[in-house]
Protein backbone atom coordinates (compact mmCIF):
# COMPACT_ATOMS: atom_id res chain seq x y z
CA UNK A 1 125.56 123.03 26.38
CA UNK A 2 124.73 121.94 29.93
CA UNK A 3 123.13 118.49 30.00
CA UNK A 4 121.47 116.59 32.84
CA UNK A 5 121.51 112.83 32.34
CA UNK A 6 119.25 110.53 34.39
CA UNK A 7 119.98 106.81 34.20
CA UNK A 8 117.33 104.43 35.53
CA UNK A 9 117.12 100.65 35.77
CA UNK A 10 119.85 98.04 35.66
CA UNK A 11 123.61 98.14 35.30
CA UNK A 12 123.29 97.05 31.67
CA UNK A 13 121.30 100.22 31.04
CA UNK A 14 124.00 102.17 32.87
CA UNK A 15 126.60 100.98 30.34
CA UNK A 16 124.46 102.45 27.54
CA UNK A 17 124.23 105.66 29.54
CA UNK A 18 128.01 105.84 29.89
CA UNK A 19 128.43 105.35 26.15
CA UNK A 20 126.04 108.24 25.48
CA UNK A 21 127.82 110.41 28.05
CA UNK A 22 131.10 109.73 26.28
CA UNK A 23 129.63 110.78 22.95
CA UNK A 24 128.13 113.94 24.43
CA UNK A 25 131.41 114.86 26.15
CA UNK A 26 133.29 114.36 22.86
CA UNK A 27 131.12 117.09 21.36
CA UNK A 28 132.07 119.47 24.20
CA UNK A 29 128.83 119.28 26.17
CA UNK A 30 129.08 119.74 29.94
CA UNK A 31 127.21 117.59 32.43
CA UNK A 32 125.24 119.11 35.30
CA UNK A 33 123.26 117.80 38.28
CA UNK A 34 121.11 120.93 38.47
CA UNK A 35 117.78 120.49 36.68
CA UNK A 36 117.13 124.24 36.71
CA UNK A 37 120.27 125.06 34.72
CA UNK A 38 120.12 122.11 32.31
CA UNK A 39 119.58 123.09 28.69
CA UNK A 40 119.00 119.48 27.71
CA UNK A 41 117.80 116.56 29.82
CA UNK A 42 118.19 112.94 28.73
CA UNK A 43 116.44 110.13 30.61
CA UNK A 44 117.53 106.55 30.01
CA UNK A 45 114.46 104.61 31.11
CA UNK A 46 113.51 101.14 32.36
CA UNK A 47 110.21 99.25 32.09
CA UNK A 48 111.11 95.75 33.28
CA UNK A 49 108.48 95.71 36.03
CA UNK A 50 105.56 97.96 36.94
CA UNK A 51 107.47 99.98 39.56
CA UNK A 52 110.30 100.66 37.11
CA UNK A 53 107.81 101.82 34.51
CA UNK A 54 106.17 104.17 37.01
CA UNK A 55 109.56 105.57 38.06
CA UNK A 56 110.48 106.26 34.44
CA UNK A 57 107.19 108.00 33.67
CA UNK A 58 107.39 110.07 36.84
CA UNK A 59 110.90 111.23 35.96
CA UNK A 60 109.81 112.25 32.47
CA UNK A 61 106.86 114.24 33.81
CA UNK A 62 108.96 115.95 36.47
CA UNK A 63 111.69 116.93 34.01
CA UNK A 64 109.12 118.16 31.50
CA UNK A 65 108.18 120.92 33.96
CA UNK A 66 111.59 122.53 33.40
CA UNK A 67 110.42 123.50 29.93
CA UNK A 68 108.35 126.09 31.83
CA UNK A 69 110.49 126.89 34.87
CA UNK A 70 114.09 126.25 33.80
CA UNK A 71 116.45 126.60 30.86
CA UNK A 72 115.35 123.36 29.22
CA UNK A 73 115.41 123.37 25.42
CA UNK A 74 115.46 119.64 24.69
CA UNK A 75 114.00 116.65 26.55
CA UNK A 76 115.05 113.24 25.21
CA UNK A 77 113.83 109.83 26.37
CA UNK A 78 115.92 106.73 25.68
CA UNK A 79 116.07 103.10 26.82
CA UNK A 80 113.54 100.34 27.40
CA UNK A 81 110.42 102.45 28.05
CA UNK A 82 111.27 104.51 24.97
CA UNK A 83 111.60 101.40 22.82
CA UNK A 84 108.33 99.89 24.04
CA UNK A 85 106.10 103.00 24.16
CA UNK A 86 107.89 105.27 21.70
CA UNK A 87 104.91 106.84 19.95
CA UNK A 88 102.79 107.00 23.09
CA UNK A 89 105.49 109.06 24.81
CA UNK A 90 105.57 111.65 22.03
CA UNK A 91 101.77 111.73 21.80
CA UNK A 92 101.02 111.93 25.54
CA UNK A 93 103.93 114.09 26.73
CA UNK A 94 104.36 116.92 24.18
CA UNK A 95 107.35 118.34 26.10
CA UNK A 96 109.41 115.33 24.94
CA UNK A 97 111.41 116.28 21.85
CA UNK A 98 112.94 112.95 20.88
CA UNK A 99 112.68 109.25 21.64
CA UNK A 100 115.62 106.91 21.15
CA UNK A 101 115.28 103.11 20.99
CA UNK A 102 117.43 100.57 22.81
CA UNK A 103 119.69 99.89 19.83
CA UNK A 104 119.95 103.52 18.70
CA UNK A 105 121.78 105.01 21.68
CA UNK A 106 124.85 105.54 19.48
CA UNK A 107 122.78 108.19 17.65
CA UNK A 108 122.33 110.42 20.70
CA UNK A 109 124.18 113.36 19.11
CA UNK A 110 121.97 113.30 16.02
CA UNK A 111 118.90 113.00 18.22
CA UNK A 112 119.99 115.99 20.30
CA UNK A 113 120.56 118.06 17.16
CA UNK A 114 117.08 117.21 15.88
CA UNK A 115 115.50 118.06 19.24
CA UNK A 116 117.23 121.44 19.37
CA UNK A 117 116.10 122.12 15.80
CA UNK A 118 112.48 121.64 16.87
CA UNK A 119 112.03 118.39 14.94
CA UNK A 120 110.39 115.84 17.29
CA UNK A 121 111.35 112.34 16.23
CA UNK A 122 111.47 108.68 17.11
CA UNK A 123 114.89 107.32 16.27
CA UNK A 124 115.13 103.52 16.08
CA UNK A 125 117.59 100.94 14.80
CA UNK A 126 117.30 97.26 13.95
CA UNK A 127 116.48 95.46 17.20
CA UNK A 128 119.05 92.80 16.27
CA UNK A 129 121.86 95.32 15.74
CA UNK A 130 124.75 95.85 18.15
CA UNK A 131 125.99 99.46 18.24
CA UNK A 132 129.77 99.83 18.06
CA UNK A 133 131.05 103.15 19.42
CA UNK A 134 134.74 104.06 19.26
CA UNK A 135 134.43 107.00 21.67
CA UNK A 136 135.40 106.02 25.23
CA UNK A 137 132.65 105.63 27.79
CA UNK A 138 132.37 108.16 30.58
CA UNK A 139 132.47 105.89 33.66
CA UNK A 140 130.05 107.03 36.37
CA UNK A 141 130.71 104.43 39.07
CA UNK A 142 133.53 106.22 40.85
CA UNK A 143 136.43 105.06 38.73
CA UNK A 144 137.62 101.95 40.58
CA UNK A 145 134.94 99.58 39.29
CA UNK A 146 133.02 99.42 36.02
CA UNK A 147 130.58 97.19 34.19
CA UNK A 148 131.46 95.39 30.97
CA UNK A 149 128.38 94.47 28.94
CA UNK A 150 129.36 91.32 27.06
CA UNK A 151 126.08 90.62 25.27
CA UNK A 152 122.72 92.14 24.48
CA UNK A 153 119.22 90.68 24.31
CA UNK A 154 117.93 87.25 25.32
CA UNK A 155 116.62 84.05 23.74
CA UNK A 156 115.12 82.46 26.85
CA UNK A 157 111.61 83.94 26.48
CA UNK A 158 110.52 83.42 30.09
CA UNK A 159 106.76 83.90 30.21
CA UNK A 160 106.93 86.91 32.55
CA UNK A 161 109.67 88.81 30.74
CA UNK A 162 109.43 91.54 28.11
CA UNK A 163 113.19 91.82 27.46
CA UNK A 164 113.34 89.93 24.11
CA UNK A 165 110.70 92.31 22.72
CA UNK A 166 112.55 95.48 23.69
CA UNK A 167 116.18 94.31 23.60
CA UNK A 168 116.08 91.70 20.83
CA UNK A 169 117.54 88.21 20.66
CA UNK A 170 120.81 87.22 22.31
CA UNK A 171 123.85 88.85 20.65
CA UNK A 172 127.39 88.54 21.96
CA UNK A 173 129.83 91.42 21.66
CA UNK A 174 132.90 90.23 19.72
CA UNK A 175 135.70 89.26 22.10
CA UNK A 176 138.30 91.63 20.65
CA UNK A 177 135.97 94.58 21.24
CA UNK A 178 135.49 93.54 24.85
CA UNK A 179 139.20 93.08 25.48
CA UNK A 180 139.94 96.51 24.03
CA UNK A 181 137.25 98.12 26.16
CA UNK A 182 138.48 96.32 29.29
CA UNK A 183 142.05 97.47 28.63
CA UNK A 184 140.86 101.06 28.26
CA UNK A 185 138.93 100.82 31.51
CA UNK A 186 141.98 99.42 33.30
CA UNK A 187 144.10 102.27 31.94
CA UNK A 188 141.57 104.70 33.42
CA UNK A 189 142.06 103.13 36.88
CA UNK A 190 139.30 100.52 36.99
CA UNK A 191 140.31 97.69 39.33
CA UNK A 192 137.10 95.66 39.48
CA UNK A 193 135.44 94.63 36.22
CA UNK A 194 131.87 93.35 36.48
CA UNK A 195 130.59 91.28 33.56
CA UNK A 196 126.91 91.82 32.76
CA UNK A 197 124.38 90.80 30.11
CA UNK A 198 120.85 89.49 30.13
CA UNK A 199 122.68 86.16 30.36
CA UNK A 200 126.46 86.05 30.71
CA UNK A 201 126.89 82.27 30.71
CA UNK A 202 125.81 81.88 27.08
CA UNK A 203 128.43 84.36 25.86
CA UNK A 204 129.87 83.56 22.43
CA UNK A 205 127.50 80.76 21.44
CA UNK A 206 125.86 82.86 18.72
CA UNK A 207 129.03 84.06 16.98
CA UNK A 208 131.59 81.37 17.81
CA UNK A 209 129.35 78.31 17.86
CA UNK A 210 130.20 77.47 21.46
CA UNK A 211 130.20 79.09 24.88
CA UNK A 212 133.25 81.32 25.17
CA UNK A 213 132.85 82.86 28.63
CA UNK A 214 135.71 80.74 30.06
CA UNK A 215 138.09 81.92 27.32
CA UNK A 216 136.97 85.54 27.71
CA UNK A 217 137.59 85.34 31.45
CA UNK A 218 141.10 83.93 31.02
CA UNK A 219 142.00 86.66 28.58
CA UNK A 220 140.54 89.39 30.79
CA UNK A 221 142.61 88.06 33.68
CA UNK A 222 145.78 88.89 31.74
CA UNK A 223 144.99 92.61 31.64
CA UNK A 224 147.34 94.57 33.87
CA UNK A 225 145.60 96.71 36.49
CA UNK A 226 142.48 94.60 36.92
CA UNK A 227 142.34 93.01 40.38
CA UNK A 228 138.82 91.59 40.58
CA UNK A 229 136.55 90.19 37.87
CA UNK A 230 132.98 89.53 38.92
CA UNK A 231 130.31 87.65 36.95
CA UNK A 232 126.60 88.50 37.19
CA UNK A 233 123.46 87.05 35.56
CA UNK A 234 124.56 83.42 35.20
CA UNK A 235 121.73 81.12 34.18
CA UNK A 236 122.17 77.92 36.23
CA UNK A 237 121.59 75.51 33.34
CA UNK A 238 124.41 77.08 31.33
CA UNK A 239 127.13 76.73 33.99
CA UNK A 240 129.71 74.25 32.70
CA UNK A 241 132.54 72.37 34.36
CA UNK A 242 134.94 74.46 32.28
CA UNK A 243 133.51 77.69 33.70
CA UNK A 244 133.79 76.35 37.25
CA UNK A 245 137.39 75.33 36.59
CA UNK A 246 138.31 78.81 35.31
CA UNK A 247 136.76 80.46 38.37
CA UNK A 248 138.78 78.11 40.60
CA UNK A 249 142.08 78.57 38.75
CA UNK A 250 142.13 82.30 38.03
CA UNK A 251 142.89 84.31 41.20
CA UNK A 252 141.42 87.53 39.78
CA UNK A 253 137.94 86.03 39.42
CA UNK A 254 135.79 86.60 42.48
CA UNK A 255 134.32 83.47 44.03
CA UNK A 256 130.90 84.99 43.60
CA UNK A 257 128.10 84.05 41.22
CA UNK A 258 124.72 85.63 40.64
CA UNK A 259 122.19 83.00 39.48
CA UNK A 260 118.61 84.14 38.80
CA UNK A 261 116.61 81.07 39.88
CA UNK A 262 113.16 82.70 40.32
CA UNK A 263 111.39 79.72 41.92
CA UNK A 264 111.83 76.19 43.28
CA UNK A 265 108.61 74.40 42.43
CA UNK A 266 108.71 72.37 39.21
CA UNK A 267 105.20 73.31 38.07
CA UNK A 268 105.77 77.03 38.56
CA UNK A 269 109.23 76.84 36.97
CA UNK A 270 107.63 75.27 33.90
CA UNK A 271 104.90 77.93 33.79
CA UNK A 272 107.63 80.56 33.98
CA UNK A 273 109.35 79.04 30.97
CA UNK A 274 112.48 78.26 33.00
CA UNK A 275 114.87 75.55 31.81
CA UNK A 276 115.66 73.85 35.12
CA UNK A 277 113.87 71.68 37.67
CA UNK A 278 114.23 71.98 41.42
CA UNK A 279 116.48 68.92 41.55
CA UNK A 280 118.71 70.29 38.80
CA UNK A 281 119.03 73.56 40.71
CA UNK A 282 120.04 71.70 43.85
CA UNK A 283 122.63 69.68 41.94
CA UNK A 284 124.14 72.79 40.33
CA UNK A 285 124.32 74.67 43.63
CA UNK A 286 125.82 71.71 45.47
CA UNK A 287 128.44 71.26 42.74
CA UNK A 288 129.43 74.93 42.93
CA UNK A 289 129.85 74.74 46.69
CA UNK A 290 131.72 71.45 46.49
CA UNK A 291 134.14 72.69 43.83
CA UNK A 292 134.53 76.24 45.23
CA UNK A 293 133.97 75.98 49.02
CA UNK A 294 134.20 79.72 49.68
CA UNK A 295 131.87 80.75 46.86
CA UNK A 296 129.22 83.38 47.58
CA UNK A 297 125.95 82.65 45.78
CA UNK A 298 123.35 85.31 45.05
CA UNK A 299 119.92 84.64 43.60
CA UNK A 300 116.57 86.30 42.98
CA UNK A 301 113.09 84.84 43.42
CA UNK A 302 109.62 85.83 42.27
CA UNK A 303 106.76 85.39 44.71
CA UNK A 304 103.06 85.34 43.85
CA UNK A 305 103.40 84.03 40.29
CA UNK A 306 99.96 83.29 38.77
CA UNK A 307 98.57 80.07 40.17
CA UNK A 308 101.20 79.74 42.91
CA UNK A 309 99.57 77.85 45.77
CA UNK A 310 100.41 78.23 49.44
CA UNK A 311 102.01 74.78 49.33
CA UNK A 312 104.20 75.75 46.37
CA UNK A 313 105.22 78.92 48.18
CA UNK A 314 106.18 76.90 51.24
CA UNK A 315 108.29 74.71 48.98
CA UNK A 316 110.27 77.83 48.03
CA UNK A 317 110.66 78.73 51.71
CA UNK A 318 111.99 75.23 52.46
CA UNK A 319 114.32 75.47 49.46
CA UNK A 320 115.78 78.77 50.70
CA UNK A 321 116.17 77.28 54.17
CA UNK A 322 117.94 74.25 52.72
CA UNK A 323 120.26 76.04 50.27
CA UNK A 324 121.17 78.99 52.55
CA UNK A 325 122.09 81.49 49.86
CA UNK A 326 124.63 84.06 50.97
CA UNK A 327 122.72 86.77 49.09
CA UNK A 328 119.07 86.74 48.03
CA UNK A 329 116.43 89.15 46.80
CA UNK A 330 112.69 88.60 46.32
CA UNK A 331 110.39 90.43 43.91
CA UNK A 332 106.61 90.28 43.98
CA UNK A 333 105.25 89.17 40.63
CA UNK A 334 104.51 92.08 38.29
CA UNK A 335 102.23 91.29 35.31
CA UNK A 336 103.55 92.88 32.14
CA UNK A 337 101.33 93.46 29.13
CA UNK A 338 102.14 91.50 25.96
CA UNK A 339 103.69 88.64 27.93
CA UNK A 340 102.08 85.18 28.30
CA UNK A 341 101.90 85.34 32.10
CA UNK A 342 99.80 88.51 32.05
CA UNK A 343 96.95 86.48 30.52
CA UNK A 344 97.31 83.50 32.87
CA UNK A 345 94.38 82.68 35.16
CA UNK A 346 94.64 82.57 38.95
CA UNK A 347 96.41 85.90 39.47
CA UNK A 348 97.51 86.32 43.08
CA UNK A 349 96.31 89.26 45.21
CA UNK A 350 98.95 91.90 45.91
CA UNK A 351 98.61 91.51 49.67
CA UNK A 352 99.34 87.78 49.39
CA UNK A 353 102.36 88.45 47.18
CA UNK A 354 103.78 90.87 49.73
CA UNK A 355 103.15 88.50 52.63
CA UNK A 356 104.98 85.70 50.83
CA UNK A 357 107.81 88.05 49.94
CA UNK A 358 108.14 89.14 53.58
CA UNK A 359 108.21 85.56 54.82
CA UNK A 360 111.08 84.62 52.53
CA UNK A 361 113.03 87.79 53.32
CA UNK A 362 112.61 87.28 57.06
CA UNK A 363 114.11 83.81 56.70
CA UNK A 364 116.89 85.18 54.50
CA UNK A 365 117.79 87.78 57.11
CA UNK A 366 118.37 85.00 59.61
CA UNK A 367 120.52 83.11 57.11
CA UNK A 368 122.48 86.23 56.19
CA UNK A 369 123.18 87.01 59.84
CA UNK A 370 124.39 83.46 60.49
CA UNK A 371 126.65 83.65 57.42
CA UNK A 372 128.05 86.97 58.60
CA UNK A 373 128.73 85.59 62.08
CA UNK A 374 130.54 82.62 60.53
CA UNK A 375 132.94 85.07 58.87
CA UNK A 376 134.15 86.50 62.20
CA UNK A 377 137.87 85.90 62.64
CA UNK A 378 138.57 85.42 58.94
CA UNK A 379 140.96 87.58 56.98
CA UNK A 380 139.63 89.05 53.73
CA UNK A 381 140.52 91.62 51.10
CA UNK A 382 138.38 94.75 50.97
CA UNK A 383 137.96 97.26 48.16
CA UNK A 384 137.60 100.67 49.83
CA UNK A 385 134.67 102.76 48.56
CA UNK A 386 134.91 105.83 50.79
CA UNK A 387 135.37 107.27 54.28
CA UNK A 388 132.78 107.66 57.00
CA UNK A 389 132.45 111.36 57.79
CA UNK A 390 134.21 112.47 61.01
CA UNK A 391 135.26 108.92 61.92
CA UNK A 392 138.36 106.76 61.59
CA UNK A 393 136.39 104.29 59.52
CA UNK A 394 135.82 103.45 55.90
CA UNK A 395 133.16 101.65 53.89
CA UNK A 396 134.09 98.96 51.42
CA UNK A 397 133.21 95.66 49.82
CA UNK A 398 134.64 92.14 49.92
CA UNK A 399 134.53 89.67 47.04
CA UNK A 400 131.16 88.63 48.52
CA UNK A 401 129.58 92.02 47.82
CA UNK A 402 128.57 93.30 44.39
CA UNK A 403 128.02 97.07 44.21
CA UNK A 404 124.45 98.28 44.29
CA UNK A 405 122.84 94.97 45.25
CA UNK A 406 124.80 93.71 48.25
CA UNK A 407 125.80 95.44 51.47
CA UNK A 408 128.79 97.50 52.53
CA UNK A 409 131.15 96.74 55.40
CA UNK A 410 132.93 99.10 57.80
CA UNK A 411 136.71 99.09 58.24
CA UNK A 412 138.07 100.72 61.39
CA UNK A 413 141.57 102.14 61.15
CA UNK A 414 143.58 105.25 61.84
CA UNK A 415 145.46 104.76 58.59
CA UNK A 416 144.69 106.92 55.57
CA UNK A 417 142.91 105.00 52.81
CA UNK A 418 141.58 106.14 49.45
CA UNK A 419 138.66 105.01 47.33
CA UNK A 420 139.88 102.18 45.14
CA UNK A 421 142.49 100.95 47.62
CA UNK A 422 142.60 97.28 48.53
CA UNK A 423 143.17 96.53 52.21
CA UNK A 424 143.64 93.31 54.15
CA UNK A 425 141.29 93.14 57.12
CA UNK A 426 140.07 90.79 59.84
CA UNK A 427 136.35 90.34 60.40
CA UNK A 428 135.43 91.41 63.94
CA UNK A 429 131.66 91.56 63.66
CA UNK A 430 128.77 90.98 61.26
CA UNK A 431 129.51 94.24 59.43
CA UNK A 432 132.72 95.36 61.13
CA UNK A 433 136.27 94.74 59.98
CA UNK A 434 139.65 95.84 61.37
CA UNK A 435 142.60 96.74 59.16
CA UNK A 436 145.45 94.30 59.85
CA UNK A 437 147.77 94.28 56.89
CA UNK A 438 147.60 97.79 55.49
CA UNK A 439 147.24 98.42 51.79
CA UNK A 440 147.63 95.57 49.34
CA UNK A 441 149.32 96.54 46.10
């Protein structure tokens, strides 16, 4: 059967998609990118913020039309939107044949069978379960990098976040399972492994009684074939001296950390349910830069949180100016039903949210340009992603660039390079690099 699979949302959702693709391929199903010829369409949805919810709904409605105009026999909705609005989806969109919850993705084959048999169903599993699938994932990221989801769910309960209600409490994947999966990915040609979870820094606390991310990292570094290991979603308050030491000592670990800070005013941080103060954030960031001078720090901020005053917003602007993050993104606050913040008074007008977002991003552009200029003349390693059409140039990423969220750089050379190659280059401009050392084995 020809199946079209649409994966929306975050990289953690993408891992679930790849698991389902592996299961479908093991049954002999063939994937297609053509909606008109697809006999089954599966949409792995997101509902983290309003825009993500709208994108998911729009995709479902668009694909539903192929029940009339295409070859579509089964339309299945999975993921976060499916978990949260499972019955509403079946009731409001009759073209949907099956809905699969966030912890039931390992049952995709059974769900597909039921859909084809004309038995509409909602298939759920215990929200605290952790599916274990022996079938290999079907990696969709090009083959030279892949995500490794080391935990599921979250215990933080930030007041703006719905994740604990649709993904459950924090649950670490047993270390042996992760090491086996990482070895399989390396055997398939993966060179960059990117660790993801709702919170990576707390890994192991629930099943081993203590944080085990440092040990996991050291053991992953021993896997032959892996060249880079990147860590995303590190909560600042959980970063330990041991973790910093491992990042410093292990050459495979990228000097790059993604720390979701969200704000810099103590009152707003408390209203958000965050566990750090502004001063604690400054101390953590300064320690990271002191211990790892070439570290690249990425963060995300929320602007227009309920009750945020102009003065508190300006405090965030000053904080960004002071800390000079190498990478930064800003989201306007999105009220989500069934979360404490959605009922808070003093909601901010959308126009004000966008203005505050634009102000921070304009400042960040200046900081980013200055950081890029400071790199000129340095020699760095680049992971090649592809070639620029009709030019002697390639696009790639340095250790400072995570796929999908950070930028790409251009490498000029007459030498033949392939996707997945590592090349030594010299920075010649803000986004331009020249090959100087050829391929690096």
